Amino acid sequence: MENSKANRRKKIRVFFKTTVLLEIGSAKIIVNGDSTDLSLNGIFIKTKEIFPIGTSCHLKINLLGRGNTFQLEMDGTTARIEPDGIGIMFKSIELDTYTHLKKIVMYNTTENPDTIY
């Protein structure tokens, strides 16, 4: 049995395209495009901007609704660096944000929604 990276991950990941605002220190970096591998633990953002692993950040994930834009805000740290982007692990999430995040994952998964926790 192969123990690949994908098999070791504990949370379900989904494709979710949105705009993400990363605030790192006093810098505000707007990352537009595909934010992939969204899970309850983190998000992968396609960007040319690279920061060292362990860099603290504040994220604002934009959700577009019917004429409204809603933001999910959370704190995180860079956990993975790839040639096409960075992986952010969520560190601090408000309960309402976690609830919205869980619904996004649940509605976009091809897995059994009952396995999302």
PDB file of N, CA and C in Angstrom:
ATOM      1  N   MET A   1       0.842  -1.187   0.000  1.00  0.00           N
ATOM      2  CA  MET A   1       0.000   0.000   0.000  1.00  0.00           C
ATOM      3  C   MET A   1       0.882   1.244   0.000  1.00  0.00           C
ATOM      4  N   GLU A   2       0.623   2.169  -0.894  1.00  0.00           N
ATOM      5  CA  GLU A   2       1.432   3.364  -1.035  1.00  0.00           C
ATOM      6  C   GLU A   2       1.032   4.404  -0.010  1.00  0.00           C
ATOM      7  N   ASN A   3       2.023   5.018   0.643  1.00  0.00           N
ATOM      8  CA  ASN A   3       1.764   6.056   1.628  1.00  0.00           C
ATOM      9  C   ASN A   3       2.132   7.405   1.038  1.00  0.00           C
ATOM     10  N   SER A   4       1.386   7.844   0.041  1.00  0.00           N
ATOM     11  CA  SER A   4       1.673   9.097  -0.638  1.00  0.00           C
ATOM     12  C   SER A   4       1.221  10.284   0.198  1.00  0.00           C
ATOM     13  N   LYS A   5       1.672  11.491  -0.215  1.00  0.00           N
ATOM     14  CA  LYS A   5       1.273  12.719   0.470  1.00  0.00           C
ATOM     15  C   LYS A   5      -0.245  12.835   0.548  1.00  0.00           C
ATOM     16  N   ALA A   6      -0.916  12.554  -0.572  1.00  0.00           N
ATOM     17  CA  ALA A   6      -2.369  12.691  -0.616  1.00  0.00           C
ATOM     18  C   ALA A   6      -3.048  11.761   0.381  1.00  0.00           C
ATOM     19  N   ASN A   7      -2.506  10.552   0.548  1.00  0.00           N
ATOM     20  CA  ASN A   7      -3.116   9.594   1.466  1.00  0.00           C
ATOM     21  C   ASN A   7      -2.886   9.955   2.926  1.00  0.00           C
ATOM     22  N   ARG A   8      -1.819  10.717   3.215  1.00  0.00           N
ATOM     23  CA  ARG A   8      -1.519  11.085   4.598  1.00  0.00           C
ATOM     24  C   ARG A   8      -2.363  12.256   5.077  1.00  0.00           C
ATOM     25  N   ARG A   9      -2.928  13.028   4.159  1.00  0.00           N
ATOM     26  CA  ARG A   9      -3.724  14.185   4.552  1.00  0.00           C
ATOM     27  C   ARG A   9      -5.010  13.718   5.204  1.00  0.00           C
ATOM     28  N   LYS A  10      -5.406  14.449   6.259  1.00  0.00           N
ATOM     29  CA  LYS A  10      -6.545  14.002   7.047  1.00  0.00           C
ATOM     30  C   LYS A  10      -7.847  14.696   6.683  1.00  0.00           C
ATOM     31  N   LYS A  11      -7.786  15.847   6.055  1.00  0.00           N
ATOM     32  CA  LYS A  11      -8.993  16.584   5.714  1.00  0.00           C
ATOM     33  C   LYS A  11      -9.275  16.494   4.216  1.00  0.00           C
ATOM     34  N   ILE A  12     -10.541  16.507   3.867  1.00  0.00           N
ATOM     35  CA  ILE A  12     -10.965  16.509   2.472  1.00  0.00           C
ATOM     36  C   ILE A  12     -10.597  17.853   1.855  1.00  0.00           C
ATOM     37  N   ARG A  13     -10.084  17.821   0.634  1.00  0.00           N
ATOM     38  CA  ARG A  13      -9.693  19.027  -0.088  1.00  0.00           C
ATOM     39  C   ARG A  13     -10.584  19.170  -1.313  1.00  0.00           C
ATOM     40  N   VAL A  14     -10.910  20.435  -1.636  1.00  0.00           N
ATOM     41  CA  VAL A  14     -11.749  20.709  -2.799  1.00  0.00           C
ATOM     42  C   VAL A  14     -11.151  21.839  -3.626  1.00  0.00           C
ATOM     43  N   PHE A  15     -11.496  21.868  -4.905  1.00  0.00           N
ATOM     44  CA  PHE A  15     -11.125  22.987  -5.773  1.00  0.00           C
ATOM     45  C   PHE A  15     -12.089  24.118  -5.479  1.00  0.00           C
ATOM     46  N   PHE A  16     -11.559  25.313  -5.264  1.00  0.00           N
ATOM     47  CA  PHE A  16     -12.408  26.470  -5.002  1.00  0.00           C
ATOM     48  C   PHE A  16     -11.698  27.703  -5.530  1.00  0.00           C
ATOM     49  N   LYS A  17     -12.227  28.281  -6.597  1.00  0.00           N
ATOM     50  CA  LYS A  17     -11.605  29.441  -7.238  1.00  0.00           C
ATOM     51  C   LYS A  17     -12.148  30.720  -6.616  1.00  0.00           C
ATOM     52  N   THR A  18     -11.236  31.563  -6.125  1.00  0.00           N
ATOM     53  CA  THR A  18     -11.638  32.808  -5.495  1.00  0.00           C
ATOM     54  C   THR A  18     -10.460  33.765  -5.437  1.00  0.00           C
ATOM     55  N   THR A  19     -10.701  34.952  -4.939  1.00  0.00           N
ATOM     56  CA  THR A  19      -9.660  35.944  -4.707  1.00  0.00           C
ATOM     57  C   THR A  19      -9.289  35.894  -3.231  1.00  0.00           C
ATOM     58  N   VAL A  20      -7.995  35.928  -2.963  1.00  0.00           N
ATOM     59  CA  VAL A  20      -7.517  35.870  -1.585  1.00  0.00           C
ATOM     60  C   VAL A  20      -6.612  37.066  -1.332  1.00  0.00           C
ATOM     61  N   LEU A  21      -6.818  37.741  -0.210  1.00  0.00           N
ATOM     62  CA  LEU A  21      -5.941  38.812   0.223  1.00  0.00           C
ATOM     63  C   LEU A  21      -5.072  38.267   1.340  1.00  0.00           C
ATOM     64  N   LEU A  22      -3.763  38.296   1.131  1.00  0.00           N
ATOM     65  CA  LEU A  22      -2.816  37.862   2.160  1.00  0.00           C
ATOM     66  C   LEU A  22      -2.190  39.103   2.765  1.00  0.00           C
ATOM     67  N   GLU A  23      -2.203  39.198   4.072  1.00  0.00           N
ATOM     68  CA  GLU A  23      -1.513  40.280   4.766  1.00  0.00           C
ATOM     69  C   GLU A  23      -0.358  39.654   5.529  1.00  0.00           C
ATOM     70  N   ILE A  24       0.840  40.045   5.136  1.00  0.00           N
ATOM     71  CA  ILE A  24       2.039  39.505   5.778  1.00  0.00           C
ATOM     72  C   ILE A  24       2.807  40.685   6.333  1.00  0.00           C
ATOM     73  N   GLY A  25       2.840  40.786   7.664  1.00  0.00           N
ATOM     74  CA  GLY A  25       3.460  41.946   8.297  1.00  0.00           C
ATOM     75  C   GLY A  25       2.723  43.193   7.854  1.00  0.00           C
ATOM     76  N   SER A  26       3.462  44.195   7.420  1.00  0.00           N
ATOM     77  CA  SER A  26       2.827  45.421   6.948  1.00  0.00           C
ATOM     78  C   SER A  26       2.498  45.349   5.460  1.00  0.00           C
ATOM     79  N   ALA A  27       2.925  44.259   4.794  1.00  0.00           N
ATOM     80  CA  ALA A  27       2.658  44.107   3.357  1.00  0.00           C
ATOM     81  C   ALA A  27       1.263  43.524   3.143  1.00  0.00           C
ATOM     82  N   LYS A  28       0.581  44.033   2.148  1.00  0.00           N
ATOM     83  CA  LYS A  28      -0.706  43.469   1.749  1.00  0.00           C
ATOM     84  C   LYS A  28      -0.546  42.981   0.328  1.00  0.00           C
ATOM     85  N   ILE A  29      -0.606  41.686   0.174  1.00  0.00           N
ATOM     86  CA  ILE A  29      -0.433  41.089  -1.136  1.00  0.00           C
ATOM     87  C   ILE A  29      -1.774  40.541  -1.589  1.00  0.00           C
ATOM     88  N   ILE A  30      -2.276  41.029  -2.703  1.00  0.00           N
ATOM     89  CA  ILE A  30      -3.527  40.508  -3.236  1.00  0.00           C
ATOM     90  C   ILE A  30      -3.193  39.393  -4.214  1.00  0.00           C
ATOM     91  N   VAL A  31      -3.740  38.235  -3.959  1.00  0.00           N
ATOM     92  CA  VAL A  31      -3.512  37.078  -4.815  1.00  0.00           C
ATOM     93  C   VAL A  31      -4.834  36.754  -5.495  1.00  0.00           C
ATOM     94  N   ASN A  32      -4.885  36.940  -6.793  1.00  0.00           N
ATOM     95  CA  ASN A  32      -6.078  36.612  -7.573  1.00  0.00           C
ATOM     96  C   ASN A  32      -5.856  35.306  -8.299  1.00  0.00           C
ATOM     97  N   GLY A  33      -6.895  34.539  -8.449  1.00  0.00           N
ATOM     98  CA  GLY A  33      -6.791  33.330  -9.252  1.00  0.00           C
ATOM     99  C   GLY A  33      -7.293  32.113  -8.538  1.00  0.00           C
ATOM    100  N   ASP A  34      -6.753  30.990  -8.934  1.00  0.00           N
ATOM    101  CA  ASP A  34      -7.203  29.725  -8.384  1.00  0.00           C
ATOM    102  C   ASP A  34      -6.605  29.511  -7.004  1.00  0.00           C
ATOM    103  N   SER A  35      -7.456  29.388  -6.040  1.00  0.00           N
ATOM    104  CA  SER A  35      -7.017  28.939  -4.734  1.00  0.00           C
ATOM    105  C   SER A  35      -7.458  27.478  -4.688  1.00  0.00           C
ATOM    106  N   THR A  36      -6.512  26.585  -4.723  1.00  0.00           N
ATOM    107  CA  THR A  36      -6.830  25.170  -4.853  1.00  0.00           C
ATOM    108  C   THR A  36      -6.581  24.439  -3.551  1.00  0.00           C
ATOM    109  N   ASP A  37      -7.019  23.218  -3.498  1.00  0.00           N
ATOM    110  CA  ASP A  37      -6.820  22.377  -2.313  1.00  0.00           C
ATOM    111  C   ASP A  37      -7.317  23.033  -1.041  1.00  0.00           C
ATOM    112  N   LEU A  38      -8.502  23.619  -1.098  1.00  0.00           N
ATOM    113  CA  LEU A  38      -9.106  24.208   0.096  1.00  0.00           C
ATOM    114  C   LEU A  38      -9.589  23.089   1.002  1.00  0.00           C
ATOM    115  N   SER A  39      -9.250  23.183   2.278  1.00  0.00           N
ATOM    116  CA  SER A  39      -9.719  22.214   3.260  1.00  0.00           C
ATOM    117  C   SER A  39     -10.030  22.954   4.549  1.00  0.00           C
ATOM    118  N   LEU A  40     -10.415  22.219   5.560  1.00  0.00           N
ATOM    119  CA  LEU A  40     -10.668  22.835   6.862  1.00  0.00           C
ATOM    120  C   LEU A  40      -9.364  23.195   7.566  1.00  0.00           C
ATOM    121  N   ASN A  41      -8.244  22.697   7.055  1.00  0.00           N
ATOM    122  CA  ASN A  41      -6.935  22.979   7.649  1.00  0.00           C
ATOM    123  C   ASN A  41      -6.146  24.043   6.917  1.00  0.00           C
ATOM    124  N   GLY A  42      -6.436  24.269   5.627  1.00  0.00           N
ATOM    125  CA  GLY A  42      -5.622  25.221   4.892  1.00  0.00           C
ATOM    126  C   GLY A  42      -6.048  25.388   3.451  1.00  0.00           C
ATOM    127  N   ILE A  43      -5.211  26.122   2.717  1.00  0.00           N
ATOM    128  CA  ILE A  43      -5.523  26.447   1.331  1.00  0.00           C
ATOM    129  C   ILE A  43      -4.214  26.556   0.551  1.00  0.00           C
ATOM    130  N   PHE A  44      -4.243  26.144  -0.716  1.00  0.00           N
ATOM    131  CA  PHE A  44      -3.112  26.351  -1.600  1.00  0.00           C
ATOM    132  C   PHE A  44      -3.483  27.475  -2.545  1.00  0.00           C
ATOM    133  N   ILE A  45      -2.602  28.467  -2.656  1.00  0.00           N
ATOM    134  CA  ILE A  45      -2.870  29.644  -3.471  1.00  0.00           C
ATOM    135  C   ILE A  45      -1.839  29.726  -4.580  1.00  0.00           C
ATOM    136  N   LYS A  46      -2.310  29.772  -5.809  1.00  0.00           N
ATOM    137  CA  LYS A  46      -1.406  29.930  -6.948  1.00  0.00           C
ATOM    138  C   LYS A  46      -0.937  31.378  -6.983  1.00  0.00           C
ATOM    139  N   THR A  47       0.368  31.575  -6.827  1.00  0.00           N
ATOM    140  CA  THR A  47       0.951  32.909  -6.815  1.00  0.00           C
ATOM    141  C   THR A  47       2.435  32.831  -7.128  1.00  0.00           C
ATOM    142  N   LYS A  48       2.974  33.933  -7.590  1.00  0.00           N
ATOM    143  CA  LYS A  48       4.418  34.039  -7.816  1.00  0.00           C
ATOM    144  C   LYS A  48       5.114  34.527  -6.540  1.00  0.00           C
ATOM    145  N   GLU A  49       4.320  35.107  -5.617  1.00  0.00           N
ATOM    146  CA  GLU A  49       4.873  35.598  -4.353  1.00  0.00           C
ATOM    147  C   GLU A  49       5.213  34.402  -3.472  1.00  0.00           C
ATOM    148  N   ILE A  50       6.430  34.378  -2.966  1.00  0.00           N
ATOM    149  CA  ILE A  50       6.877  33.266  -2.133  1.00  0.00           C
ATOM    150  C   ILE A  50       7.392  33.818  -0.802  1.00  0.00           C
ATOM    151  N   PHE A  51       7.024  33.158   0.273  1.00  0.00           N
ATOM    152  CA  PHE A  51       7.457  33.541   1.612  1.00  0.00           C
ATOM    153  C   PHE A  51       8.009  32.306   2.307  1.00  0.00           C
ATOM    154  N   PRO A  52       8.953  32.483   3.205  1.00  0.00           N
ATOM    155  CA  PRO A  52       9.543  31.326   3.891  1.00  0.00           C
ATOM    156  C   PRO A  52       8.488  30.516   4.653  1.00  0.00           C
ATOM    157  N   ILE A  53       8.701  29.228   4.739  1.00  0.00           N
ATOM    158  CA  ILE A  53       7.824  28.369   5.528  1.00  0.00           C
ATOM    159  C   ILE A  53       7.833  28.864   6.967  1.00  0.00           C
ATOM    160  N   GLY A  54       6.653  28.926   7.563  1.00  0.00           N
ATOM    161  CA  GLY A  54       6.516  29.405   8.936  1.00  0.00           C
ATOM    162  C   GLY A  54       6.188  30.882   9.051  1.00  0.00           C
ATOM    163  N   THR A  55       6.055  31.573   7.903  1.00  0.00           N
ATOM    164  CA  THR A  55       5.710  32.994   7.917  1.00  0.00           C
ATOM    165  C   THR A  55       4.251  33.161   8.328  1.00  0.00           C
ATOM    166  N   SER A  56       4.015  33.977   9.340  1.00  0.00           N
ATOM    167  CA  SER A  56       2.639  34.241   9.793  1.00  0.00           C
ATOM    168  C   SER A  56       1.943  35.173   8.813  1.00  0.00           C
ATOM    169  N   CYS A  57       0.639  34.950   8.650  1.00  0.00           N
ATOM    170  CA  CYS A  57      -0.133  35.799   7.744  1.00  0.00           C
ATOM    171  C   CYS A  57      -1.584  35.869   8.212  1.00  0.00           C
ATOM    172  N   HIS A  58      -2.288  36.839   7.663  1.00  0.00           N
ATOM    173  CA  HIS A  58      -3.730  36.971   7.873  1.00  0.00           C
ATOM    174  C   HIS A  58      -4.366  36.850   6.496  1.00  0.00           C
ATOM    175  N   LEU A  59      -5.374  35.985   6.371  1.00  0.00           N
ATOM    176  CA  LEU A  59      -6.031  35.745   5.086  1.00  0.00           C
ATOM    177  C   LEU A  59      -7.434  36.312   5.083  1.00  0.00           C
ATOM    178  N   LYS A  60      -7.821  36.817   3.930  1.00  0.00           N
ATOM    179  CA  LYS A  60      -9.207  37.205   3.683  1.00  0.00           C
ATOM    180  C   LYS A  60      -9.606  36.503   2.392  1.00  0.00           C
ATOM    181  N   ILE A  61     -10.465  35.502   2.524  1.00  0.00           N
ATOM    182  CA  ILE A  61     -10.936  34.731   1.374  1.00  0.00           C
ATOM    183  C   ILE A  61     -12.283  35.305   0.952  1.00  0.00           C
ATOM    184  N   ASN A  62     -12.352  35.815  -0.277  1.00  0.00           N
ATOM    185  CA  ASN A  62     -13.571  36.456  -0.761  1.00  0.00           C
ATOM    186  C   ASN A  62     -14.576  35.426  -1.264  1.00  0.00           C
ATOM    187  N   LEU A  63     -15.810  35.605  -0.841  1.00  0.00           N
ATOM    188  CA  LEU A  63     -16.920  34.783  -1.319  1.00  0.00           C
ATOM    189  C   LEU A  63     -17.888  35.707  -2.034  1.00  0.00           C
ATOM    190  N   LEU A  64     -18.181  35.395  -3.277  1.00  0.00           N
ATOM    191  CA  LEU A  64     -19.092  36.221  -4.051  1.00  0.00           C
ATOM    192  C   LEU A  64     -20.503  35.670  -3.942  1.00  0.00           C
ATOM    193  N   GLY A  65     -21.412  36.558  -3.615  1.00  0.00           N
ATOM    194  CA  GLY A  65     -22.816  36.169  -3.513  1.00  0.00           C
ATOM    195  C   GLY A  65     -23.632  36.962  -4.503  1.00  0.00           C
ATOM    196  N   ARG A  66     -24.880  37.022  -4.283  1.00  0.00           N
ATOM    197  CA  ARG A  66     -25.786  37.764  -5.169  1.00  0.00           C
ATOM    198  C   ARG A  66     -25.620  39.259  -4.918  1.00  0.00           C
ATOM    199  N   GLY A  67     -24.653  39.842  -5.609  1.00  0.00           N
ATOM    200  CA  GLY A  67     -24.401  41.273  -5.472  1.00  0.00           C
ATOM    201  C   GLY A  67     -23.564  41.627  -4.255  1.00  0.00           C
ATOM    202  N   ASN A  68     -23.229  40.665  -3.431  1.00  0.00           N
ATOM    203  CA  ASN A  68     -22.460  40.924  -2.224  1.00  0.00           C
ATOM    204  C   ASN A  68     -21.128  40.203  -2.269  1.00  0.00           C
ATOM    205  N   THR A  69     -20.176  40.753  -1.551  1.00  0.00           N
ATOM    206  CA  THR A  69     -18.921  40.050  -1.331  1.00  0.00           C
ATOM    207  C   THR A  69     -18.791  39.848   0.165  1.00  0.00           C
ATOM    208  N   PHE A  70     -18.534  38.629   0.563  1.00  0.00           N
ATOM    209  CA  PHE A  70     -18.378  38.264   1.966  1.00  0.00           C
ATOM    210  C   PHE A  70     -16.970  37.728   2.130  1.00  0.00           C
ATOM    211  N   GLN A  71     -16.325  38.041   3.233  1.00  0.00           N
ATOM    212  CA  GLN A  71     -14.964  37.567   3.441  1.00  0.00           C
ATOM    213  C   GLN A  71     -14.871  36.632   4.631  1.00  0.00           C
ATOM    214  N   LEU A  72     -14.139  35.552   4.431  1.00  0.00           N
ATOM    215  CA  LEU A  72     -13.760  34.679   5.537  1.00  0.00           C
ATOM    216  C   LEU A  72     -12.369  35.113   5.963  1.00  0.00           C
ATOM    217  N   GLU A  73     -12.198  35.434   7.233  1.00  0.00           N
ATOM    218  CA  GLU A  73     -10.905  35.893   7.727  1.00  0.00           C
ATOM    219  C   GLU A  73     -10.345  34.900   8.720  1.00  0.00           C
ATOM    220  N   MET A  74      -9.039  34.683   8.620  1.00  0.00           N
ATOM    221  CA  MET A  74      -8.371  33.773   9.540  1.00  0.00           C
ATOM    222  C   MET A  74      -6.878  34.062   9.544  1.00  0.00           C
ATOM    223  N   ASP A  75      -6.198  33.567  10.560  1.00  0.00           N
ATOM    224  CA  ASP A  75      -4.747  33.661  10.626  1.00  0.00           C
ATOM    225  C   ASP A  75      -4.161  32.331  10.188  1.00  0.00           C
ATOM    226  N   GLY A  76      -2.969  32.396   9.617  1.00  0.00           N
ATOM    227  CA  GLY A  76      -2.324  31.179   9.160  1.00  0.00           C
ATOM    228  C   GLY A  76      -0.820  31.327   9.095  1.00  0.00           C
ATOM    229  N   THR A  77      -0.172  30.277   8.635  1.00  0.00           N
ATOM    230  CA  THR A  77       1.266  30.294   8.398  1.00  0.00           C
ATOM    231  C   THR A  77       1.557  29.554   7.092  1.00  0.00           C
ATOM    232  N   THR A  78       2.620  29.972   6.419  1.00  0.00           N
ATOM    233  CA  THR A  78       3.008  29.267   5.207  1.00  0.00           C
ATOM    234  C   THR A  78       3.535  27.895   5.607  1.00  0.00           C
ATOM    235  N   ALA A  79       3.016  26.872   4.943  1.00  0.00           N
ATOM    236  CA  ALA A  79       3.364  25.495   5.294  1.00  0.00           C
ATOM    237  C   ALA A  79       4.030  24.752   4.147  1.00  0.00           C
ATOM    238  N   ARG A  80       3.866  25.261   2.923  1.00  0.00           N
ATOM    239  CA  ARG A  80       4.401  24.557   1.754  1.00  0.00           C
ATOM    240  C   ARG A  80       4.709  25.572   0.669  1.00  0.00           C
ATOM    241  N   ILE A  81       5.809  25.363  -0.015  1.00  0.00           N
ATOM    242  CA  ILE A  81       6.187  26.222  -1.138  1.00  0.00           C
ATOM    243  C   ILE A  81       6.354  25.334  -2.364  1.00  0.00           C
ATOM    244  N   GLU A  82       5.679  25.707  -3.433  1.00  0.00           N
ATOM    245  CA  GLU A  82       5.766  24.989  -4.704  1.00  0.00           C
ATOM    246  C   GLU A  82       6.117  26.006  -5.794  1.00  0.00           C
ATOM    247  N   PRO A  83       6.569  25.562  -6.953  1.00  0.00           N
ATOM    248  CA  PRO A  83       6.893  26.502  -8.031  1.00  0.00           C
ATOM    249  C   PRO A  83       5.714  27.392  -8.444  1.00  0.00           C
ATOM    250  N   ASP A  84       4.482  26.892  -8.280  1.00  0.00           N
ATOM    251  CA  ASP A  84       3.325  27.661  -8.724  1.00  0.00           C
ATOM    252  C   ASP A  84       2.529  28.305  -7.590  1.00  0.00           C
ATOM    253  N   GLY A  85       3.019  28.241  -6.352  1.00  0.00           N
ATOM    254  CA  GLY A  85       2.279  28.883  -5.279  1.00  0.00           C
ATOM    255  C   GLY A  85       2.713  28.452  -3.890  1.00  0.00           C
ATOM    256  N   ILE A  86       1.858  28.807  -2.918  1.00  0.00           N
ATOM    257  CA  ILE A  86       2.160  28.510  -1.515  1.00  0.00           C
ATOM    258  C   ILE A  86       0.965  27.853  -0.833  1.00  0.00           C
ATOM    259  N   GLY A  87       1.263  27.000   0.113  1.00  0.00           N
ATOM    260  CA  GLY A  87       0.239  26.377   0.937  1.00  0.00           C
ATOM    261  C   GLY A  87       0.197  27.086   2.281  1.00  0.00           C
ATOM    262  N   ILE A  88      -0.995  27.475   2.687  1.00  0.00           N
ATOM    263  CA  ILE A  88      -1.189  28.154   3.962  1.00  0.00           C
ATOM    264  C   ILE A  88      -1.965  27.227   4.888  1.00  0.00           C
ATOM    265  N   MET A  89      -1.453  27.025   6.097  1.00  0.00           N
ATOM    266  CA  MET A  89      -2.160  26.250   7.112  1.00  0.00           C
ATOM    267  C   MET A  89      -2.877  27.235   8.040  1.00  0.00           C
ATOM    268  N   PHE A  90      -4.176  26.997   8.232  1.00  0.00           N
ATOM    269  CA  PHE A  90      -4.955  27.862   9.111  1.00  0.00           C
ATOM    270  C   PHE A  90      -4.541  27.638  10.556  1.00  0.00           C
ATOM    271  N   LYS A  91      -4.394  28.736  11.291  1.00  0.00           N
ATOM    272  CA  LYS A  91      -3.994  28.647  12.700  1.00  0.00           C
ATOM    273  C   LYS A  91      -5.092  29.100  13.653  1.00  0.00           C
ATOM    274  N   SER A  92      -5.812  30.122  13.271  1.00  0.00           N
ATOM    275  CA  SER A  92      -6.843  30.675  14.140  1.00  0.00           C
ATOM    276  C   SER A  92      -8.059  31.033  13.295  1.00  0.00           C
ATOM    277  N   ILE A  93      -9.201  30.401  13.618  1.00  0.00           N
ATOM    278  CA  ILE A  93     -10.431  30.602  12.847  1.00  0.00           C
ATOM    279  C   ILE A  93     -11.591  30.813  13.818  1.00  0.00           C
ATOM    280  N   GLU A  94     -12.365  31.864  13.574  1.00  0.00           N
ATOM    281  CA  GLU A  94     -13.581  32.100  14.355  1.00  0.00           C
ATOM    282  C   GLU A  94     -14.605  31.005  14.034  1.00  0.00           C
ATOM    283  N   LEU A  95     -15.507  30.742  14.945  1.00  0.00           N
ATOM    284  CA  LEU A  95     -16.501  29.687  14.766  1.00  0.00           C
ATOM    285  C   LEU A  95     -17.365  29.913  13.532  1.00  0.00           C
ATOM    286  N   ASP A  96     -17.832  31.142  13.296  1.00  0.00           N
ATOM    287  CA  ASP A  96     -18.658  31.427  12.114  1.00  0.00           C
ATOM    288  C   ASP A  96     -17.880  31.166  10.824  1.00  0.00           C
ATOM    289  N   THR A  97     -16.616  31.556  10.812  1.00  0.00           N
ATOM    290  CA  THR A  97     -15.772  31.328   9.635  1.00  0.00           C
ATOM    291  C   THR A  97     -15.588  29.839   9.398  1.00  0.00           C
ATOM    292  N   TYR A  98     -15.338  29.087  10.467  1.00  0.00           N
ATOM    293  CA  TYR A  98     -15.174  27.641  10.349  1.00  0.00           C
ATOM    294  C   TYR A  98     -16.446  27.000   9.787  1.00  0.00           C
ATOM    295  N   THR A  99     -17.604  27.469  10.239  1.00  0.00           N
ATOM    296  CA  THR A  99     -18.887  26.943   9.762  1.00  0.00           C
ATOM    297  C   THR A  99     -19.050  27.196   8.259  1.00  0.00           C
ATOM    298  N   HIS A 100     -18.734  28.420   7.801  1.00  0.00           N
ATOM    299  CA  HIS A 100     -18.811  28.734   6.370  1.00  0.00           C
ATOM    300  C   HIS A 100     -17.821  27.881   5.579  1.00  0.00           C
ATOM    301  N   LEU A 101     -16.608  27.751   6.101  1.00  0.00           N
ATOM    302  CA  LEU A 101     -15.583  26.957   5.438  1.00  0.00           C
ATOM    303  C   LEU A 101     -16.017  25.503   5.295  1.00  0.00           C
ATOM    304  N   LYS A 102     -16.610  24.975   6.341  1.00  0.00           N
ATOM    305  CA  LYS A 102     -17.083  23.586   6.313  1.00  0.00           C
ATOM    306  C   LYS A 102     -18.171  23.403   5.252  1.00  0.00           C
ATOM    307  N   LYS A 103     -19.059  24.378   5.119  1.00  0.00           N
ATOM    308  CA  LYS A 103     -20.117  24.305   4.101  1.00  0.00           C
ATOM    309  C   LYS A 103     -19.535  24.365   2.697  1.00  0.00           C
ATOM    310  N   ILE A 104     -18.521  25.203   2.489  1.00  0.00           N
ATOM    311  CA  ILE A 104     -17.881  25.291   1.175  1.00  0.00           C
ATOM    312  C   ILE A 104     -17.288  23.945   0.798  1.00  0.00           C
ATOM    313  N   VAL A 105     -16.572  23.340   1.732  1.00  0.00           N
ATOM    314  CA  VAL A 105     -15.958  22.037   1.471  1.00  0.00           C
ATOM    315  C   VAL A 105     -17.042  20.993   1.223  1.00  0.00           C
ATOM    316  N   MET A 106     -18.085  21.001   2.036  1.00  0.00           N
ATOM    317  CA  MET A 106     -19.158  20.017   1.920  1.00  0.00           C
ATOM    318  C   MET A 106     -19.861  20.119   0.559  1.00  0.00           C
ATOM    319  N   TYR A 107     -20.144  21.341   0.096  1.00  0.00           N
ATOM    320  CA  TYR A 107     -20.867  21.507  -1.166  1.00  0.00           C
ATOM    321  C   TYR A 107     -19.998  21.272  -2.396  1.00  0.00           C
ATOM    322  N   ASN A 108     -18.686  21.308  -2.242  1.00  0.00           N
ATOM    323  CA  ASN A 108     -17.788  21.160  -3.390  1.00  0.00           C
ATOM    324  C   ASN A 108     -17.070  19.819  -3.436  1.00  0.00           C
ATOM    325  N   THR A 109     -17.301  18.962  -2.481  1.00  0.00           N
ATOM    326  CA  THR A 109     -16.589  17.686  -2.454  1.00  0.00           C
ATOM    327  C   THR A 109     -17.281  16.636  -3.321  1.00  0.00           C
ATOM    328  N   THR A 110     -16.477  15.715  -3.799  1.00  0.00           N
ATOM    329  CA  THR A 110     -17.026  14.555  -4.497  1.00  0.00           C
ATOM    330  C   THR A 110     -17.041  13.356  -3.547  1.00  0.00           C
ATOM    331  N   GLU A 111     -16.533  13.571  -2.342  1.00  0.00           N
ATOM    332  CA  GLU A 111     -16.510  12.516  -1.311  1.00  0.00           C
ATOM    333  C   GLU A 111     -17.839  12.508  -0.571  1.00  0.00           C
ATOM    334  N   ASN A 112     -17.984  11.592   0.326  1.00  0.00           N
ATOM    335  CA  ASN A 112     -19.158  11.516   1.171  1.00  0.00           C
ATOM    336  C   ASN A 112     -19.153  12.723   2.117  1.00  0.00           C
ATOM    337  N   PRO A 113     -20.138  13.632   2.026  1.00  0.00           N
ATOM    338  CA  PRO A 113     -20.165  14.830   2.878  1.00  0.00           C
ATOM    339  C   PRO A 113     -20.183  14.508   4.363  1.00  0.00           C
ATOM    340  N   ASP A 114     -20.652  13.311   4.735  1.00  0.00           N
ATOM    341  CA  ASP A 114     -20.695  12.938   6.148  1.00  0.00           C
ATOM    342  C   ASP A 114     -19.309  12.722   6.735  1.00  0.00           C
ATOM    343  N   THR A 115     -18.282  12.626   5.879  1.00  0.00           N
ATOM    344  CA  THR A 115     -16.925  12.419   6.373  1.00  0.00           C
ATOM    345  C   THR A 115     -16.212  13.735   6.685  1.00  0.00           C
ATOM    346  N   ILE A 116     -16.869  14.860   6.413  1.00  0.00           N
ATOM    347  CA  ILE A 116     -16.279  16.166   6.714  1.00  0.00           C
ATOM    348  C   ILE A 116     -16.532  16.470   8.176  1.00  0.00           C
ATOM    349  N   TYR A 117     -15.468  16.760   8.885  1.00  0.00           N
ATOM    350  CA  TYR A 117     -15.597  17.065  10.315  1.00  0.00           C
ATOM    351  C   TYR A 117     -14.829  18.289  10.669  1.00  0.00           C
TER     352      TYR A 117
END
